[in-house]
Protein backbone atom coordinates (compact mmCIF):
# COMPACT_ATOMS: atom_id res chain seq x y z
CA MET A 1 14.09 15.60 -27.24
CA LYS A 2 17.09 13.51 -25.98
CA PRO A 3 17.60 9.93 -27.33
CA PHE A 4 16.66 8.16 -24.08
CA ALA A 5 13.22 9.83 -23.93
CA ARG A 6 12.69 9.53 -27.71
CA GLU A 7 13.32 5.81 -27.74
CA LEU A 8 11.27 5.24 -24.62
CA LEU A 9 8.26 7.15 -25.94
CA ARG A 10 8.49 5.22 -29.28
CA TRP A 11 8.39 2.01 -27.31
CA TYR A 12 5.51 3.29 -25.12
CA ASP A 13 3.39 4.16 -28.18
CA HIS A 14 3.43 0.47 -29.16
CA HIS A 15 3.81 -1.42 -25.87
CA GLY A 16 2.94 0.89 -22.96
CA ARG A 17 -0.09 0.52 -20.68
CA LYS A 18 -2.82 2.87 -21.71
CA ASP A 19 -5.95 1.29 -20.26
CA LEU A 20 -5.20 1.50 -16.51
CA PRO A 21 -8.31 2.82 -14.69
CA TRP A 22 -6.56 5.90 -13.27
CA GLN A 23 -5.71 7.00 -16.81
CA HIS A 24 -9.34 7.55 -17.79
CA PRO A 25 -9.70 10.35 -16.78
CA ARG A 26 -6.11 11.09 -15.76
CA ASP A 27 -7.02 13.80 -13.26
CA ALA A 28 -5.00 14.80 -10.15
CA TYR A 29 -7.16 12.90 -7.65
CA ARG A 30 -7.00 9.61 -9.55
CA VAL A 31 -3.30 9.92 -10.24
CA TRP A 32 -2.60 10.74 -6.61
CA LEU A 33 -4.67 7.85 -5.34
CA SER A 34 -3.08 5.37 -7.74
CA GLU A 35 0.42 6.55 -6.81
CA ILE A 36 -0.24 6.02 -3.12
CA MET A 37 -1.79 2.63 -3.67
CA LEU A 38 1.11 1.58 -5.94
CA GLN A 39 3.67 2.17 -3.28
CA GLN A 40 4.93 -1.32 -2.32
CA THR A 41 2.00 -2.90 -4.24
CA GLN A 42 1.82 -4.21 -7.78
CA VAL A 43 -0.53 -2.86 -10.48
CA VAL A 44 -2.48 -6.14 -10.83
CA THR A 45 -3.36 -5.99 -7.13
CA VAL A 46 -4.13 -2.26 -7.04
CA ILE A 47 -6.63 -2.19 -9.98
CA GLY A 48 -9.51 -3.77 -8.06
CA TYR A 49 -8.90 -1.73 -4.92
CA PHE A 50 -8.64 1.50 -6.96
CA GLN A 51 -11.94 0.86 -8.73
CA ARG A 52 -13.79 0.11 -5.48
CA PHE A 53 -12.25 3.13 -3.81
CA VAL A 54 -13.27 5.65 -6.50
CA ASP A 55 -16.73 4.05 -6.87
CA ARG A 56 -17.32 4.81 -3.19
CA LEU A 57 -15.23 8.02 -2.95
CA PRO A 58 -15.05 9.52 -6.47
CA THR A 59 -13.65 12.94 -5.60
CA LEU A 60 -11.17 14.50 -3.34
CA ALA A 61 -14.01 16.24 -1.54
CA SER A 62 -15.77 12.93 -0.87
CA LEU A 63 -12.55 11.45 0.53
CA ALA A 64 -12.07 14.44 2.78
CA SER A 65 -15.60 14.20 4.22
CA ALA A 66 -15.57 10.40 4.72
CA ASP A 67 -15.02 8.94 8.16
CA GLU A 68 -11.83 7.04 8.91
CA ASP A 69 -13.53 3.68 9.19
CA THR A 70 -14.88 3.96 5.62
CA VAL A 71 -11.47 4.87 4.27
CA LEU A 72 -9.69 2.07 6.08
CA ALA A 73 -12.38 -0.46 5.12
CA LEU A 74 -11.80 0.41 1.46
CA TRP A 75 -8.06 0.12 1.98
CA SER A 76 -8.29 -3.14 3.91
CA GLY A 77 -6.04 -5.72 2.28
CA LEU A 78 -3.59 -3.30 0.72
CA GLY A 79 -1.42 -3.05 3.84
CA TYR A 80 0.77 -0.22 5.04
CA TYR A 81 -2.34 1.50 6.49
CA ARG A 82 -0.47 4.69 7.29
CA ARG A 83 -0.74 5.41 3.58
CA ALA A 84 -4.51 5.48 3.84
CA ARG A 85 -4.51 7.71 6.93
CA PHE A 86 -2.09 10.15 5.23
CA LEU A 87 -4.31 10.11 2.10
CA HIS A 88 -7.34 10.94 4.18
CA ARG A 89 -5.61 13.74 6.09
CA ALA A 90 -4.07 15.20 2.93
CA ALA A 91 -7.49 15.38 1.35
CA GLN A 92 -8.88 17.31 4.33
CA LEU A 93 -5.91 19.74 4.13
CA CYS A 94 -6.57 20.30 0.44
CA VAL A 95 -10.17 21.29 1.34
CA GLU A 96 -8.91 23.54 4.15
CA ARG A 97 -6.04 25.20 2.37
CA HIS A 98 -6.18 24.65 -1.42
CA GLY A 99 -9.84 25.09 -2.39
CA GLY A 100 -10.53 21.34 -2.43
CA GLU A 101 -7.89 20.60 -5.11
CA LEU A 102 -4.43 19.17 -5.14
CA PRO A 103 -1.99 22.15 -5.63
CA ARG A 104 0.10 22.58 -8.80
CA ASP A 105 3.21 23.45 -6.85
CA LEU A 106 5.91 20.92 -5.89
CA ASP A 107 6.59 22.32 -2.44
CA ALA A 108 2.89 22.67 -1.60
CA LEU A 109 2.29 19.00 -2.64
CA MET A 110 5.27 17.76 -0.64
CA ALA A 111 3.95 19.57 2.40
CA LEU A 112 0.92 17.28 2.38
CA PRO A 113 1.07 13.99 4.44
CA GLY A 114 2.36 11.00 2.53
CA ILE A 115 3.44 12.87 -0.60
CA GLY A 116 7.16 12.76 -1.28
CA ARG A 117 9.12 14.19 -4.19
CA SER A 118 8.43 11.29 -6.59
CA THR A 119 4.69 11.17 -5.87
CA ALA A 120 4.44 14.96 -6.24
CA GLY A 121 6.33 14.75 -9.54
CA ALA A 122 4.03 12.03 -10.79
CA ILE A 123 0.93 14.15 -9.93
CA LEU A 124 2.33 17.26 -11.63
CA ALA A 125 3.57 15.41 -14.72
CA GLN A 126 0.62 13.05 -15.32
CA ALA A 127 -2.32 15.25 -14.25
CA TYR A 128 -1.02 18.69 -15.19
CA GLY A 129 1.56 17.89 -17.90
CA LEU A 130 4.28 19.84 -16.03
CA ARG A 131 7.92 18.81 -16.43
CA PHE A 132 8.85 17.13 -13.14
CA PRO A 133 10.85 13.93 -12.80
CA ILE A 134 9.84 10.86 -10.79
CA LEU A 135 11.96 8.25 -9.02
CA ASP A 136 9.84 5.33 -7.77
CA GLY A 137 11.24 1.78 -7.37
CA ASN A 138 10.77 0.91 -11.01
CA VAL A 139 12.49 4.05 -12.23
CA LYS A 140 15.36 3.54 -9.82
CA ARG A 141 15.96 0.09 -11.25
CA VAL A 142 15.87 1.32 -14.89
CA LEU A 143 18.29 4.20 -14.27
CA ALA A 144 20.62 2.19 -12.02
CA ARG A 145 21.03 -0.38 -14.76
CA TYR A 146 21.10 2.07 -17.64
CA HIS A 147 23.86 4.18 -16.09
CA GLY A 148 25.66 1.32 -14.32
CA ILE A 149 25.26 2.89 -10.86
CA VAL A 150 26.64 0.71 -8.15
CA GLY A 151 25.33 1.17 -4.59
CA PHE A 152 22.04 0.67 -2.75
CA PRO A 153 19.52 3.16 -4.19
CA GLY A 154 18.22 3.96 -0.75
CA GLU A 155 21.53 5.54 0.23
CA SER A 156 21.50 9.28 0.03
CA ALA A 157 24.46 9.67 -2.34
CA ILE A 158 23.16 7.00 -4.78
CA GLU A 159 19.64 8.46 -4.68
CA LYS A 160 21.07 11.90 -5.50
CA GLN A 161 22.78 10.51 -8.60
CA LEU A 162 19.55 8.81 -9.72
CA TRP A 163 17.52 11.99 -9.26
CA LYS A 164 20.06 13.84 -11.41
CA HIS A 165 19.63 11.27 -14.19
CA ALA A 166 15.82 11.24 -13.80
CA ASP A 167 15.74 14.98 -14.26
CA GLU A 168 18.12 14.90 -17.26
CA HIS A 169 15.97 12.31 -19.12
CA THR A 170 12.54 13.87 -18.50
CA PRO A 171 11.51 15.69 -21.65
CA PRO A 172 9.66 19.06 -21.75
CA GLU A 173 7.02 17.59 -24.08
CA ARG A 174 4.80 14.49 -23.61
CA THR A 175 5.86 14.46 -19.96
CA ALA A 176 2.71 12.58 -18.87
CA ASP A 177 3.38 9.82 -21.33
CA TYR A 178 7.08 9.72 -20.58
CA THR A 179 6.41 9.38 -16.85
CA GLN A 180 4.02 6.43 -17.49
CA ALA A 181 6.45 4.96 -19.99
CA ILE A 182 9.41 4.75 -17.68
CA MET A 183 7.27 3.21 -14.97
CA ASP A 184 5.96 0.72 -17.50
CA LEU A 185 9.44 -0.15 -18.70
CA GLY A 186 10.52 -1.00 -15.17
CA ALA A 187 7.36 -2.94 -14.38
CA THR A 188 7.12 -5.03 -17.56
CA VAL A 189 10.61 -5.24 -19.17
CA CYS A 190 13.40 -4.07 -16.81
CA VAL A 191 12.02 -6.32 -14.07
CA ARG A 192 13.83 -7.24 -10.89
CA GLY A 193 14.43 -10.94 -11.46
CA LYS A 194 15.10 -11.66 -15.13
CA PRO A 195 14.92 -8.47 -17.25
CA LEU A 196 13.74 -8.89 -20.81
CA CYS A 197 16.69 -7.07 -22.38
CA PRO A 198 15.92 -8.15 -25.98
CA LEU A 199 12.59 -6.23 -25.71
CA CYS A 200 14.08 -3.13 -24.14
CA PRO A 201 14.34 0.08 -26.21
CA GLN A 202 17.38 1.16 -24.23
CA ALA A 203 19.39 -2.13 -24.56
CA ALA A 204 21.86 -0.77 -27.08
CA THR A 205 23.11 1.95 -24.69
CA CYS A 206 22.48 0.29 -21.28
CA VAL A 207 25.61 -0.18 -19.23
CA ALA A 208 24.27 -3.15 -17.17
CA HIS A 209 23.26 -4.98 -20.39
CA ARG A 210 26.61 -4.18 -22.03
CA ASP A 211 28.69 -5.32 -19.03
CA GLY A 212 26.54 -8.25 -17.91
CA LEU A 213 25.46 -6.57 -14.64
CA THR A 214 21.70 -6.87 -14.86
CA ALA A 215 21.72 -9.58 -12.12
CA VAL A 216 23.57 -7.39 -9.62
CA LEU A 217 22.08 -3.91 -10.39
CA PRO A 218 20.55 -2.18 -8.65
CA THR A 219 22.62 -3.11 -5.62
CA ALA A 220 20.60 -4.97 -3.00
CA LYS A 221 19.86 -3.49 0.36
CA PRO A 222 22.37 -4.76 3.03
CA GLY A 223 20.93 -7.81 4.71
CA LYS A 224 19.29 -7.63 8.09
CA LYS A 225 17.85 -10.44 10.17
CA VAL A 226 14.06 -10.15 10.60
CA PRO A 227 12.87 -10.88 14.16
CA THR A 228 9.81 -13.04 14.96
CA ARG A 229 7.02 -12.30 17.42
CA ALA A 230 4.22 -14.66 18.52
CA LEU A 231 0.78 -14.04 20.00
CA ALA A 232 -2.70 -15.57 20.22
CA MET A 233 -5.70 -13.94 18.59
CA LEU A 234 -8.98 -14.47 20.39
CA LEU A 235 -12.14 -15.13 18.43
CA LEU A 236 -14.99 -14.60 20.87
CA ARG A 237 -18.27 -15.44 19.18
CA ASP A 238 -21.66 -15.18 20.78
CA ARG A 239 -24.69 -17.42 20.17
CA SER A 240 -25.89 -15.21 17.30
CA GLY A 241 -22.57 -15.42 15.55
CA ARG A 242 -21.28 -11.96 16.41
CA VAL A 243 -17.57 -11.63 16.93
CA LEU A 244 -15.84 -9.20 19.44
CA LEU A 245 -13.54 -6.71 17.72
CA GLU A 246 -11.30 -4.05 19.30
CA LYS A 247 -10.09 -0.87 17.72
CA ARG A 248 -6.32 -0.63 17.87
CA GLY A 249 -4.65 2.51 19.34
CA PRO A 250 -2.86 5.13 17.34
CA GLN A 251 0.60 3.59 17.68
CA GLY A 252 2.14 0.41 16.35
CA VAL A 253 1.16 -1.85 13.48
CA TRP A 254 -2.43 -1.81 12.24
CA SER A 255 -3.02 1.40 14.22
CA GLY A 256 -6.62 2.64 14.02
CA LEU A 257 -7.89 -0.64 12.52
CA TRP A 258 -10.37 -3.05 14.07
CA SER A 259 -8.86 -6.31 15.09
CA LEU A 260 -9.27 -9.23 17.48
CA PRO A 261 -8.30 -9.20 21.20
CA GLU A 262 -4.87 -10.66 21.79
CA ALA A 263 -3.07 -12.79 24.41
CA ALA A 264 0.56 -13.56 24.84
CA ASP A 265 0.00 -17.23 23.98
CA ALA A 266 -2.62 -19.97 23.93
CA GLU A 267 -2.11 -20.69 27.62
CA ALA A 268 -3.01 -17.16 28.56
CA ALA A 269 -5.96 -16.96 26.13
CA PRO A 270 -8.75 -18.26 28.41
CA GLN A 271 -7.94 -15.76 31.16
CA VAL A 272 -7.79 -12.81 28.72
CA ALA A 273 -11.10 -13.90 27.04
CA ALA A 274 -12.78 -14.10 30.45
CA GLY A 275 -12.21 -10.34 30.76
CA PHE A 276 -14.61 -9.80 27.84
CA ALA A 277 -17.22 -12.55 28.16
CA THR A 278 -18.21 -15.69 29.90
CA VAL A 279 -16.55 -18.34 27.75
CA GLY A 280 -16.41 -22.09 27.52
CA ASP A 281 -13.78 -24.32 25.95
CA ALA A 282 -10.92 -22.89 23.88
CA ASN A 283 -10.75 -24.33 20.37
CA PRO A 284 -7.41 -23.78 18.60
CA LEU A 285 -7.58 -22.94 14.88
CA PRO A 286 -4.73 -23.42 12.34
CA ALA A 287 -1.82 -21.08 13.11
CA PHE A 288 -0.40 -18.81 10.44
CA THR A 289 2.49 -16.32 9.93
CA HIS A 290 2.09 -12.76 8.70
CA VAL A 291 5.20 -10.99 7.44
CA PHE A 292 5.66 -7.26 7.94
CA SER A 293 8.49 -5.22 6.49
CA HIS A 294 10.41 -5.33 9.81
CA TYR A 295 9.30 -8.59 11.53
CA ARG A 296 7.38 -11.83 11.25
CA LEU A 297 4.26 -12.41 13.35
CA ASP A 298 3.35 -15.96 14.28
CA VAL A 299 -0.36 -16.05 15.14
CA SER A 300 -2.28 -18.79 17.01
CA PRO A 301 -6.04 -18.14 16.63
CA ILE A 302 -8.18 -19.41 19.51
CA LEU A 303 -11.97 -19.71 19.04
CA PHE A 304 -14.39 -19.33 22.00
CA ASP A 305 -17.95 -20.14 20.79
CA HIS A 306 -21.16 -19.27 22.68
CA ALA A 307 -19.44 -16.44 24.50
CA ALA A 308 -21.80 -14.41 26.74
CA PRO A 309 -20.72 -10.71 26.63
CA LEU A 310 -20.03 -9.09 29.97
CA ALA A 311 -21.87 -5.83 30.75
CA ALA A 312 -18.58 -4.05 31.31
CA VAL A 313 -17.71 -4.40 27.64
CA ALA A 314 -20.91 -2.70 26.44
CA GLY A 315 -20.99 0.98 25.62
CA ARG A 316 -17.31 1.33 24.72
CA ASP A 317 -16.36 3.05 21.44
CA ASP A 318 -13.23 0.86 21.02
CA ARG A 319 -14.99 -2.51 21.28
CA ARG A 320 -17.94 -3.93 19.26
CA TRP A 321 -19.73 -7.21 18.89
CA CYS A 322 -20.00 -7.40 15.07
CA ASP A 323 -22.02 -9.48 12.64
CA ARG A 324 -20.84 -10.07 9.08
CA ASP A 325 -22.39 -6.85 7.77
CA ASP A 326 -20.61 -4.81 10.50
CA ILE A 327 -17.35 -6.49 9.69
CA ALA A 328 -17.64 -5.68 6.00
CA SER A 329 -17.93 -1.97 6.78
CA LEU A 330 -14.87 -1.71 9.05
CA GLY A 331 -11.18 -1.43 8.33
CA LEU A 332 -9.55 -4.71 9.31
CA PRO A 333 -6.01 -6.04 8.77
CA ALA A 334 -6.00 -8.44 5.81
CA PRO A 335 -5.05 -11.53 7.85
CA VAL A 336 -7.76 -10.81 10.37
CA ARG A 337 -10.38 -10.39 7.64
CA THR A 338 -9.22 -13.67 6.03
CA LEU A 339 -9.45 -15.42 9.40
CA LEU A 340 -13.01 -14.21 9.95
CA ASP A 341 -14.02 -15.05 6.47
CA HIS A 342 -12.93 -18.67 7.00
CA LEU A 343 -14.38 -19.18 10.43
CA PRO A 344 -16.15 -22.59 10.79
CA GLU A 345 -19.87 -22.44 11.15
CA ILE A 346 -21.05 -21.94 14.73
CA THR A 347 -21.98 -25.18 16.49
CA PRO A 348 -25.33 -25.56 18.26
């Protein structure tokens, strides 16, 4: 075993995370689910979502047979909902093509929706003990600093270098532990802001530590101005407290989720609301901003209480008047769920 892996595993035996819920048992389904959830989301956030998900859908087969609303409801709040749809479709393909199991072949795994090379490597290494490298965000940071690699890791040439080093360091034995260890090192010691170099098992041979480059490596992504959009969300609530929800189309943000009707702005809100129900006065609620990866969304919520549903709205699959129990069972964007959870009590 090479020195990098040997030192890292020695550190992991004393300081690594060994009680994460997807480690007990560390089977392919649980490893896969955790890897997808952990993309762009921290461990502390994922743990609760993971446990609720596997309590409701404990096996790949149960995920494959679930309806999309159930999957999206369990995912609601984690964001990047395309991950959940890919997860759902991949499970169905495993049932159709692989006997209801995740395949033990890199190419077959990468052919499934939402599974890239690093996720496939993590499944093969952690669930099956096979020697495959990984290169998630934490590992990129560790290797960029350790080897002193300058350049944004998202660039093809830089990523190619990092994959080469990831493969060189991955040992043929204890591969599952090594894979967890290098992720743990990046998440708990070689962190983005202020790395804890005195606690790092690789500090003695790390280029960034030696040359004082930990603050600038890995190289940041070139800056890009984030645009801002604005809209009004309409909360139409009938006399029994039900709220009108619409299912979003297959394209754009929050695709396939249940959300609130929208208008261009507060001025247009009453006219749009009148297309769904007979409404009274518009009551503005506190505005908020939701930040996506590629733009900011400024939202002005407008409440219309005592709305009387129009007959034209009834019978449509993409619109529902929902009470609290209905809302809890549907996949909603996190800011919409928060908005509904904090609605003021209906007035007489």
